[in-house]
Amino acid sequence: MTDPLPPEPPADAQVLPADLTRQLEALGGQLVWRIGKDEVSEDVIVRLGFASATPRFAHLPRLRSAGDQELQAALEGGRVVIEWVD
């Protein structure tokens, strides 16, 4: 399954310079992430790190899967925690 393409920005939206866009896309290609619910709390955890940190993800506590509605509720309730994995 592939992710849908993001919507086109409105015509009056500011567009990033082409060089910055390329740099951000290159950075995004080097990142890995996992999203899920913490087993103890109801927080949604977003783990993010460079691809070189992928083995370290296995040593962190497991995350439960979370559906779209659970993710939306966590966003609206301020229960999202972002963890950087070195």
PDB file of N, CA and C in Angstrom:
ATOM      1  N   MET A   1       0.849  -1.161   0.000  1.00  0.00           N
ATOM      2  CA  MET A   1       0.000   0.000   0.000  1.00  0.00           C
ATOM      3  C   MET A   1       0.898   1.228   0.000  1.00  0.00           C
ATOM      4  N   THR A   2       0.556   2.222  -0.771  1.00  0.00           N
ATOM      5  CA  THR A   2       1.331   3.451  -0.826  1.00  0.00           C
ATOM      6  C   THR A   2       0.528   4.577  -0.215  1.00  0.00           C
ATOM      7  N   ASP A   3       1.248   5.557   0.335  1.00  0.00           N
ATOM      8  CA  ASP A   3       0.585   6.712   0.916  1.00  0.00           C
ATOM      9  C   ASP A   3       0.058   7.590  -0.199  1.00  0.00           C
ATOM     10  N   PRO A   4      -1.115   8.203   0.021  1.00  0.00           N
ATOM     11  CA  PRO A   4      -1.622   9.121  -1.001  1.00  0.00           C
ATOM     12  C   PRO A   4      -0.729  10.345  -1.090  1.00  0.00           C
ATOM     13  N   LEU A   5      -0.714  10.968  -2.242  1.00  0.00           N
ATOM     14  CA  LEU A   5       0.072  12.183  -2.416  1.00  0.00           C
ATOM     15  C   LEU A   5      -0.562  13.312  -1.621  1.00  0.00           C
ATOM     16  N   PRO A   6       0.264  14.217  -1.067  1.00  0.00           N
ATOM     17  CA  PRO A   6      -0.321  15.347  -0.338  1.00  0.00           C
ATOM     18  C   PRO A   6      -1.062  16.255  -1.308  1.00  0.00           C
ATOM     19  N   PRO A   7      -2.053  16.977  -0.789  1.00  0.00           N
ATOM     20  CA  PRO A   7      -2.806  17.872  -1.669  1.00  0.00           C
ATOM     21  C   PRO A   7      -1.914  19.006  -2.156  1.00  0.00           C
ATOM     22  N   GLU A   8      -2.252  19.527  -3.296  1.00  0.00           N
ATOM     23  CA  GLU A   8      -1.531  20.681  -3.841  1.00  0.00           C
ATOM     24  C   GLU A   8      -1.780  21.887  -2.936  1.00  0.00           C
ATOM     25  N   PRO A   9      -0.744  22.722  -2.701  1.00  0.00           N
ATOM     26  CA  PRO A   9      -0.975  23.909  -1.866  1.00  0.00           C
ATOM     27  C   PRO A   9      -1.881  24.897  -2.591  1.00  0.00           C
ATOM     28  N   PRO A  10      -2.613  25.701  -1.831  1.00  0.00           N
ATOM     29  CA  PRO A  10      -3.451  26.724  -2.461  1.00  0.00           C
ATOM     30  C   PRO A  10      -2.581  27.668  -3.297  1.00  0.00           C
ATOM     31  N   ALA A  11      -3.173  28.290  -4.291  1.00  0.00           N
ATOM     32  CA  ALA A  11      -2.434  29.156  -5.204  1.00  0.00           C
ATOM     33  C   ALA A  11      -1.762  30.314  -4.477  1.00  0.00           C
ATOM     34  N   ASP A  12      -2.359  30.783  -3.361  1.00  0.00           N
ATOM     35  CA  ASP A  12      -1.795  31.923  -2.650  1.00  0.00           C
ATOM     36  C   ASP A  12      -0.822  31.506  -1.540  1.00  0.00           C
ATOM     37  N   ALA A  13      -0.552  30.207  -1.389  1.00  0.00           N
ATOM     38  CA  ALA A  13       0.360  29.729  -0.347  1.00  0.00           C
ATOM     39  C   ALA A  13       1.807  30.015  -0.730  1.00  0.00           C
ATOM     40  N   GLN A  14       2.635  30.264   0.298  1.00  0.00           N
ATOM     41  CA  GLN A  14       4.049  30.466   0.040  1.00  0.00           C
ATOM     42  C   GLN A  14       4.677  29.139  -0.345  1.00  0.00           C
ATOM     43  N   VAL A  15       5.520  29.159  -1.345  1.00  0.00           N
ATOM     44  CA  VAL A  15       6.200  27.958  -1.805  1.00  0.00           C
ATOM     45  C   VAL A  15       7.651  28.047  -1.365  1.00  0.00           C
ATOM     46  N   LEU A  16       8.183  26.935  -0.861  1.00  0.00           N
ATOM     47  CA  LEU A  16       9.580  26.909  -0.426  1.00  0.00           C
ATOM     48  C   LEU A  16      10.507  27.017  -1.625  1.00  0.00           C
ATOM     49  N   PRO A  17      11.677  27.614  -1.417  1.00  0.00           N
ATOM     50  CA  PRO A  17      12.655  27.644  -2.508  1.00  0.00           C
ATOM     51  C   PRO A  17      12.999  26.221  -2.953  1.00  0.00           C
ATOM     52  N   ALA A  18      13.261  26.042  -4.225  1.00  0.00           N
ATOM     53  CA  ALA A  18      13.517  24.713  -4.785  1.00  0.00           C
ATOM     54  C   ALA A  18      14.670  24.007  -4.083  1.00  0.00           C
ATOM     55  N   ASP A  19      15.736  24.740  -3.751  1.00  0.00           N
ATOM     56  CA  ASP A  19      16.889  24.126  -3.092  1.00  0.00           C
ATOM     57  C   ASP A  19      16.514  23.595  -1.712  1.00  0.00           C
ATOM     58  N   LEU A  20      15.741  24.376  -0.955  1.00  0.00           N
ATOM     59  CA  LEU A  20      15.304  23.936   0.365  1.00  0.00           C
ATOM     60  C   LEU A  20      14.389  22.721   0.245  1.00  0.00           C
ATOM     61  N   THR A  21      13.517  22.718  -0.722  1.00  0.00           N
ATOM     62  CA  THR A  21      12.627  21.582  -0.948  1.00  0.00           C
ATOM     63  C   THR A  21      13.433  20.315  -1.222  1.00  0.00           C
ATOM     64  N   ARG A  22      14.452  20.411  -2.073  1.00  0.00           N
ATOM     65  CA  ARG A  22      15.301  19.249  -2.364  1.00  0.00           C
ATOM     66  C   ARG A  22      16.029  18.765  -1.110  1.00  0.00           C
ATOM     67  N   GLN A  23      16.527  19.695  -0.305  1.00  0.00           N
ATOM     68  CA  GLN A  23      17.235  19.326   0.917  1.00  0.00           C
ATOM     69  C   GLN A  23      16.305  18.633   1.912  1.00  0.00           C
ATOM     70  N   LEU A  24      15.093  19.147   2.052  1.00  0.00           N
ATOM     71  CA  LEU A  24      14.129  18.529   2.967  1.00  0.00           C
ATOM     72  C   LEU A  24      13.724  17.139   2.489  1.00  0.00           C
ATOM     73  N   GLU A  25      13.542  16.980   1.194  1.00  0.00           N
ATOM     74  CA  GLU A  25      13.205  15.668   0.649  1.00  0.00           C
ATOM     75  C   GLU A  25      14.351  14.684   0.862  1.00  0.00           C
ATOM     76  N   ALA A  26      15.589  15.142   0.698  1.00  0.00           N
ATOM     77  CA  ALA A  26      16.749  14.273   0.935  1.00  0.00           C
ATOM     78  C   ALA A  26      16.817  13.868   2.399  1.00  0.00           C
ATOM     79  N   LEU A  27      16.569  14.799   3.305  1.00  0.00           N
ATOM     80  CA  LEU A  27      16.559  14.487   4.732  1.00  0.00           C
ATOM     81  C   LEU A  27      15.460  13.484   5.047  1.00  0.00           C
ATOM     82  N   GLY A  28      14.274  13.697   4.493  1.00  0.00           N
ATOM     83  CA  GLY A  28      13.163  12.775   4.728  1.00  0.00           C
ATOM     84  C   GLY A  28      13.477  11.366   4.272  1.00  0.00           C
ATOM     85  N   GLY A  29      14.272  11.223   3.232  1.00  0.00           N
ATOM     86  CA  GLY A  29      14.654   9.909   2.738  1.00  0.00           C
ATOM     87  C   GLY A  29      15.636   9.186   3.649  1.00  0.00           C
ATOM     88  N   GLN A  30      16.213   9.893   4.614  1.00  0.00           N
ATOM     89  CA  GLN A  30      17.176   9.300   5.531  1.00  0.00           C
ATOM     90  C   GLN A  30      16.563   8.990   6.897  1.00  0.00           C
ATOM     91  N   LEU A  31      15.282   9.290   7.071  1.00  0.00           N
ATOM     92  CA  LEU A  31      14.632   9.115   8.369  1.00  0.00           C
ATOM     93  C   LEU A  31      13.756   7.870   8.389  1.00  0.00           C
ATOM     94  N   VAL A  32      13.651   7.277   9.566  1.00  0.00           N
ATOM     95  CA  VAL A  32      12.698   6.195   9.805  1.00  0.00           C
ATOM     96  C   VAL A  32      11.842   6.604  11.006  1.00  0.00           C
ATOM     97  N   TRP A  33      10.635   6.061  11.076  1.00  0.00           N
ATOM     98  CA  TRP A  33       9.765   6.404  12.181  1.00  0.00           C
ATOM     99  C   TRP A  33       8.836   5.252  12.493  1.00  0.00           C
ATOM    100  N   ARG A  34       8.354   5.260  13.706  1.00  0.00           N
ATOM    101  CA  ARG A  34       7.334   4.328  14.171  1.00  0.00           C
ATOM    102  C   ARG A  34       6.324   5.146  14.952  1.00  0.00           C
ATOM    103  N   ILE A  35       5.062   4.839  14.752  1.00  0.00           N
ATOM    104  CA  ILE A  35       3.990   5.536  15.456  1.00  0.00           C
ATOM    105  C   ILE A  35       3.095   4.488  16.087  1.00  0.00           C
ATOM    106  N   GLY A  36       2.750   4.677  17.355  1.00  0.00           N
ATOM    107  CA  GLY A  36       1.855   3.755  18.031  1.00  0.00           C
ATOM    108  C   GLY A  36       1.527   4.262  19.417  1.00  0.00           C
ATOM    109  N   LYS A  37       0.693   3.517  20.106  1.00  0.00           N
ATOM    110  CA  LYS A  37       0.291   3.897  21.457  1.00  0.00           C
ATOM    111  C   LYS A  37       1.198   3.220  22.464  1.00  0.00           C
ATOM    112  N   ASP A  38       1.516   3.961  23.494  1.00  0.00           N
ATOM    113  CA  ASP A  38       2.313   3.442  24.602  1.00  0.00           C
ATOM    114  C   ASP A  38       1.514   2.343  25.301  1.00  0.00           C
ATOM    115  N   GLU A  39       2.191   1.266  25.729  1.00  0.00           N
ATOM    116  CA  GLU A  39       1.484   0.159  26.381  1.00  0.00           C
ATOM    117  C   GLU A  39       0.953   0.537  27.756  1.00  0.00           C
ATOM    118  N   VAL A  40       1.558   1.529  28.395  1.00  0.00           N
ATOM    119  CA  VAL A  40       1.163   1.901  29.756  1.00  0.00           C
ATOM    120  C   VAL A  40       0.135   3.032  29.749  1.00  0.00           C
ATOM    121  N   SER A  41       0.376   4.059  28.960  1.00  0.00           N
ATOM    122  CA  SER A  41      -0.528   5.215  28.934  1.00  0.00           C
ATOM    123  C   SER A  41      -1.325   5.203  27.635  1.00  0.00           C
ATOM    124  N   GLU A  42      -2.110   6.210  27.457  1.00  0.00           N
ATOM    125  CA  GLU A  42      -2.884   6.366  26.221  1.00  0.00           C
ATOM    126  C   GLU A  42      -2.196   7.324  25.252  1.00  0.00           C
ATOM    127  N   ASP A  43      -0.952   7.694  25.561  1.00  0.00           N
ATOM    128  CA  ASP A  43      -0.215   8.603  24.689  1.00  0.00           C
ATOM    129  C   ASP A  43       0.139   7.924  23.374  1.00  0.00           C
ATOM    130  N   VAL A  44       0.158   8.719  22.325  1.00  0.00           N
ATOM    131  CA  VAL A  44       0.656   8.244  21.039  1.00  0.00           C
ATOM    132  C   VAL A  44       2.122   8.658  20.966  1.00  0.00           C
ATOM    133  N   ILE A  45       2.978   7.702  20.673  1.00  0.00           N
ATOM    134  CA  ILE A  45       4.414   7.932  20.612  1.00  0.00           C
ATOM    135  C   ILE A  45       4.834   7.961  19.143  1.00  0.00           C
ATOM    136  N   VAL A  46       5.593   8.977  18.777  1.00  0.00           N
ATOM    137  CA  VAL A  46       6.189   9.061  17.447  1.00  0.00           C
ATOM    138  C   VAL A  46       7.688   8.940  17.656  1.00  0.00           C
ATOM    139  N   ARG A  47       8.254   7.842  17.220  1.00  0.00           N
ATOM    140  CA  ARG A  47       9.702   7.638  17.316  1.00  0.00           C
ATOM    141  C   ARG A  47      10.304   7.959  15.972  1.00  0.00           C
ATOM    142  N   LEU A  48      11.330   8.776  15.984  1.00  0.00           N
ATOM    143  CA  LEU A  48      11.925   9.289  14.766  1.00  0.00           C
ATOM    144  C   LEU A  48      13.439   9.245  14.898  1.00  0.00           C
ATOM    145  N   GLY A  49      14.110   8.829  13.841  1.00  0.00           N
ATOM    146  CA  GLY A  49      15.565   8.818  13.852  1.00  0.00           C
ATOM    147  C   GLY A  49      16.111   8.597  12.454  1.00  0.00           C
ATOM    148  N   PHE A  50      17.431   8.741  12.332  1.00  0.00           N
ATOM    149  CA  PHE A  50      18.072   8.461  11.053  1.00  0.00           C
ATOM    150  C   PHE A  50      18.045   6.958  10.795  1.00  0.00           C
ATOM    151  N   ALA A  51      18.110   6.575   9.547  1.00  0.00           N
ATOM    152  CA  ALA A  51      18.082   5.158   9.182  1.00  0.00           C
ATOM    153  C   ALA A  51      19.192   4.382   9.887  1.00  0.00           C
ATOM    154  N   SER A  52      20.315   5.024  10.152  1.00  0.00           N
ATOM    155  CA  SER A  52      21.425   4.343  10.847  1.00  0.00           C
ATOM    156  C   SER A  52      21.048   3.946  12.273  1.00  0.00           C
ATOM    157  N   ALA A  53      19.984   4.536  12.834  1.00  0.00           N
ATOM    158  CA  ALA A  53      19.538   4.214  14.189  1.00  0.00           C
ATOM    159  C   ALA A  53      18.500   3.098  14.210  1.00  0.00           C
ATOM    160  N   THR A  54      18.156   2.552  13.061  1.00  0.00           N
ATOM    161  CA  THR A  54      17.104   1.536  12.985  1.00  0.00           C
ATOM    162  C   THR A  54      17.292   0.392  13.984  1.00  0.00           C
ATOM    163  N   PRO A  55      18.491  -0.172  14.167  1.00  0.00           N
ATOM    164  CA  PRO A  55      18.632  -1.263  15.140  1.00  0.00           C
ATOM    165  C   PRO A  55      18.245  -0.861  16.565  1.00  0.00           C
ATOM    166  N   ARG A  56      18.404   0.391  16.923  1.00  0.00           N
ATOM    167  CA  ARG A  56      18.078   0.839  18.278  1.00  0.00           C
ATOM    168  C   ARG A  56      16.567   0.842  18.544  1.00  0.00           C
ATOM    169  N   PHE A  57      15.773   0.951  17.484  1.00  0.00           N
ATOM    170  CA  PHE A  57      14.316   0.924  17.657  1.00  0.00           C
ATOM    171  C   PHE A  57      13.884  -0.385  18.315  1.00  0.00           C
ATOM    172  N   ALA A  58      14.579  -1.483  18.011  1.00  0.00           N
ATOM    173  CA  ALA A  58      14.210  -2.801  18.543  1.00  0.00           C
ATOM    174  C   ALA A  58      14.402  -2.899  20.050  1.00  0.00           C
ATOM    175  N   HIS A  59      15.218  -2.029  20.635  1.00  0.00           N
ATOM    176  CA  HIS A  59      15.502  -2.090  22.065  1.00  0.00           C
ATOM    177  C   HIS A  59      14.581  -1.207  22.895  1.00  0.00           C
ATOM    178  N   LEU A  60      13.678  -0.512  22.235  1.00  0.00           N
ATOM    179  CA  LEU A  60      12.737   0.365  22.928  1.00  0.00           C
ATOM    180  C   LEU A  60      11.448  -0.402  23.235  1.00  0.00           C
ATOM    181  N   PRO A  61      10.692   0.062  24.248  1.00  0.00           N
ATOM    182  CA  PRO A  61       9.423  -0.619  24.561  1.00  0.00           C
ATOM    183  C   PRO A  61       8.502  -0.664  23.338  1.00  0.00           C
ATOM    184  N   ARG A  62       7.758  -1.756  23.229  1.00  0.00           N
ATOM    185  CA  ARG A  62       6.846  -1.940  22.103  1.00  0.00           C
ATOM    186  C   ARG A  62       5.742  -0.901  22.117  1.00  0.00           C
ATOM    187  N   LEU A  63       5.259  -0.609  20.931  1.00  0.00           N
ATOM    188  CA  LEU A  63       4.119   0.283  20.765  1.00  0.00           C
ATOM    189  C   LEU A  63       2.943  -0.523  20.222  1.00  0.00           C
ATOM    190  N   ARG A  64       1.750  -0.249  20.736  1.00  0.00           N
ATOM    191  CA  ARG A  64       0.539  -0.883  20.212  1.00  0.00           C
ATOM    192  C   ARG A  64       0.114  -0.130  18.956  1.00  0.00           C
ATOM    193  N   SER A  65      -0.518  -0.842  18.053  1.00  0.00           N
ATOM    194  CA  SER A  65      -1.024  -0.159  16.855  1.00  0.00           C
ATOM    195  C   SER A  65      -2.154   0.778  17.269  1.00  0.00           C
ATOM    196  N   ALA A  66      -2.312   1.837  16.502  1.00  0.00           N
ATOM    197  CA  ALA A  66      -3.360   2.818  16.777  1.00  0.00           C
ATOM    198  C   ALA A  66      -4.035   3.172  15.466  1.00  0.00           C
ATOM    199  N   GLY A  67      -5.335   3.207  15.507  1.00  0.00           N
ATOM    200  CA  GLY A  67      -6.113   3.557  14.321  1.00  0.00           C
ATOM    201  C   GLY A  67      -6.162   5.059  14.109  1.00  0.00           C
ATOM    202  N   ASP A  68      -6.685   5.450  12.972  1.00  0.00           N
ATOM    203  CA  ASP A  68      -6.762   6.864  12.634  1.00  0.00           C
ATOM    204  C   ASP A  68      -7.541   7.672  13.665  1.00  0.00           C
ATOM    205  N   GLN A  69      -8.652   7.116  14.153  1.00  0.00           N
ATOM    206  CA  GLN A  69      -9.460   7.839  15.141  1.00  0.00           C
ATOM    207  C   GLN A  69      -8.697   8.023  16.449  1.00  0.00           C
ATOM    208  N   GLU A  70      -7.935   7.004  16.858  1.00  0.00           N
ATOM    209  CA  GLU A  70      -7.138   7.123  18.084  1.00  0.00           C
ATOM    210  C   GLU A  70      -6.031   8.170  17.914  1.00  0.00           C
ATOM    211  N   LEU A  71      -5.412   8.185  16.744  1.00  0.00           N
ATOM    212  CA  LEU A  71      -4.370   9.179  16.476  1.00  0.00           C
ATOM    213  C   LEU A  71      -4.953  10.584  16.489  1.00  0.00           C
ATOM    214  N   GLN A  72      -6.098  10.763  15.862  1.00  0.00           N
ATOM    215  CA  GLN A  72      -6.746  12.083  15.826  1.00  0.00           C
ATOM    216  C   GLN A  72      -7.115  12.535  17.233  1.00  0.00           C
ATOM    217  N   ALA A  73      -7.670  11.635  18.045  1.00  0.00           N
ATOM    218  CA  ALA A  73      -8.045  11.992  19.419  1.00  0.00           C
ATOM    219  C   ALA A  73      -6.818  12.380  20.239  1.00  0.00           C
ATOM    220  N   ALA A  74      -5.710  11.668  20.051  1.00  0.00           N
ATOM    221  CA  ALA A  74      -4.481  11.997  20.778  1.00  0.00           C
ATOM    222  C   ALA A  74      -3.959  13.373  20.354  1.00  0.00           C
ATOM    223  N   LEU A  75      -4.019  13.665  19.057  1.00  0.00           N
ATOM    224  CA  LEU A  75      -3.590  14.986  18.573  1.00  0.00           C
ATOM    225  C   LEU A  75      -4.441  16.087  19.196  1.00  0.00           C
ATOM    226  N   GLU A  76      -5.737  15.887  19.174  1.00  0.00           N
ATOM    227  CA  GLU A  76      -6.650  16.897  19.707  1.00  0.00           C
ATOM    228  C   GLU A  76      -6.506  17.041  21.217  1.00  0.00           C
ATOM    229  N   GLY A  77      -6.137  15.951  21.909  1.00  0.00           N
ATOM    230  CA  GLY A  77      -5.989  15.975  23.362  1.00  0.00           C
ATOM    231  C   GLY A  77      -4.589  16.305  23.839  1.00  0.00           C
ATOM    232  N   GLY A  78      -3.679  16.574  22.924  1.00  0.00           N
ATOM    233  CA  GLY A  78      -2.312  16.907  23.316  1.00  0.00           C
ATOM    234  C   GLY A  78      -1.560  15.735  23.935  1.00  0.00           C
ATOM    235  N   ARG A  79      -1.892  14.513  23.508  1.00  0.00           N
ATOM    236  CA  ARG A  79      -1.263  13.319  24.060  1.00  0.00           C
ATOM    237  C   ARG A  79      -0.342  12.657  23.041  1.00  0.00           C
ATOM    238  N   VAL A  80       0.449  13.461  22.346  1.00  0.00           N
ATOM    239  CA  VAL A  80       1.408  12.953  21.374  1.00  0.00           C
ATOM    240  C   VAL A  80       2.806  13.277  21.888  1.00  0.00           C
ATOM    241  N   VAL A  81       3.645  12.255  21.956  1.00  0.00           N
ATOM    242  CA  VAL A  81       5.013  12.414  22.440  1.00  0.00           C
ATOM    243  C   VAL A  81       5.954  12.060  21.291  1.00  0.00           C
ATOM    244  N   ILE A  82       6.904  12.940  21.010  1.00  0.00           N
ATOM    245  CA  ILE A  82       7.873  12.686  19.948  1.00  0.00           C
ATOM    246  C   ILE A  82       9.197  12.310  20.597  1.00  0.00           C
ATOM    247  N   GLU A  83       9.731  11.160  20.202  1.00  0.00           N
ATOM    248  CA  GLU A  83      11.016  10.670  20.729  1.00  0.00           C
ATOM    249  C   GLU A  83      12.030  10.603  19.596  1.00  0.00           C
ATOM    250  N   TRP A  84      13.185  11.187  19.800  1.00  0.00           N
ATOM    251  CA  TRP A  84      14.271  11.089  18.826  1.00  0.00           C
ATOM    252  C   TRP A  84      15.106   9.883  19.213  1.00  0.00           C
ATOM    253  N   VAL A  85      15.347   8.987  18.266  1.00  0.00           N
ATOM    254  CA  VAL A  85      16.137   7.788  18.510  1.00  0.00           C
ATOM    255  C   VAL A  85      17.519   8.017  17.910  1.00  0.00           C
ATOM    256  N   ASP A  86      18.538   8.001  18.779  1.00  0.00           N
ATOM    257  CA  ASP A  86      19.918   8.205  18.332  1.00  0.00           C
ATOM    258  C   ASP A  86      20.523   6.915  17.834  1.00  0.00           C
TER     259      ASP A  86
END
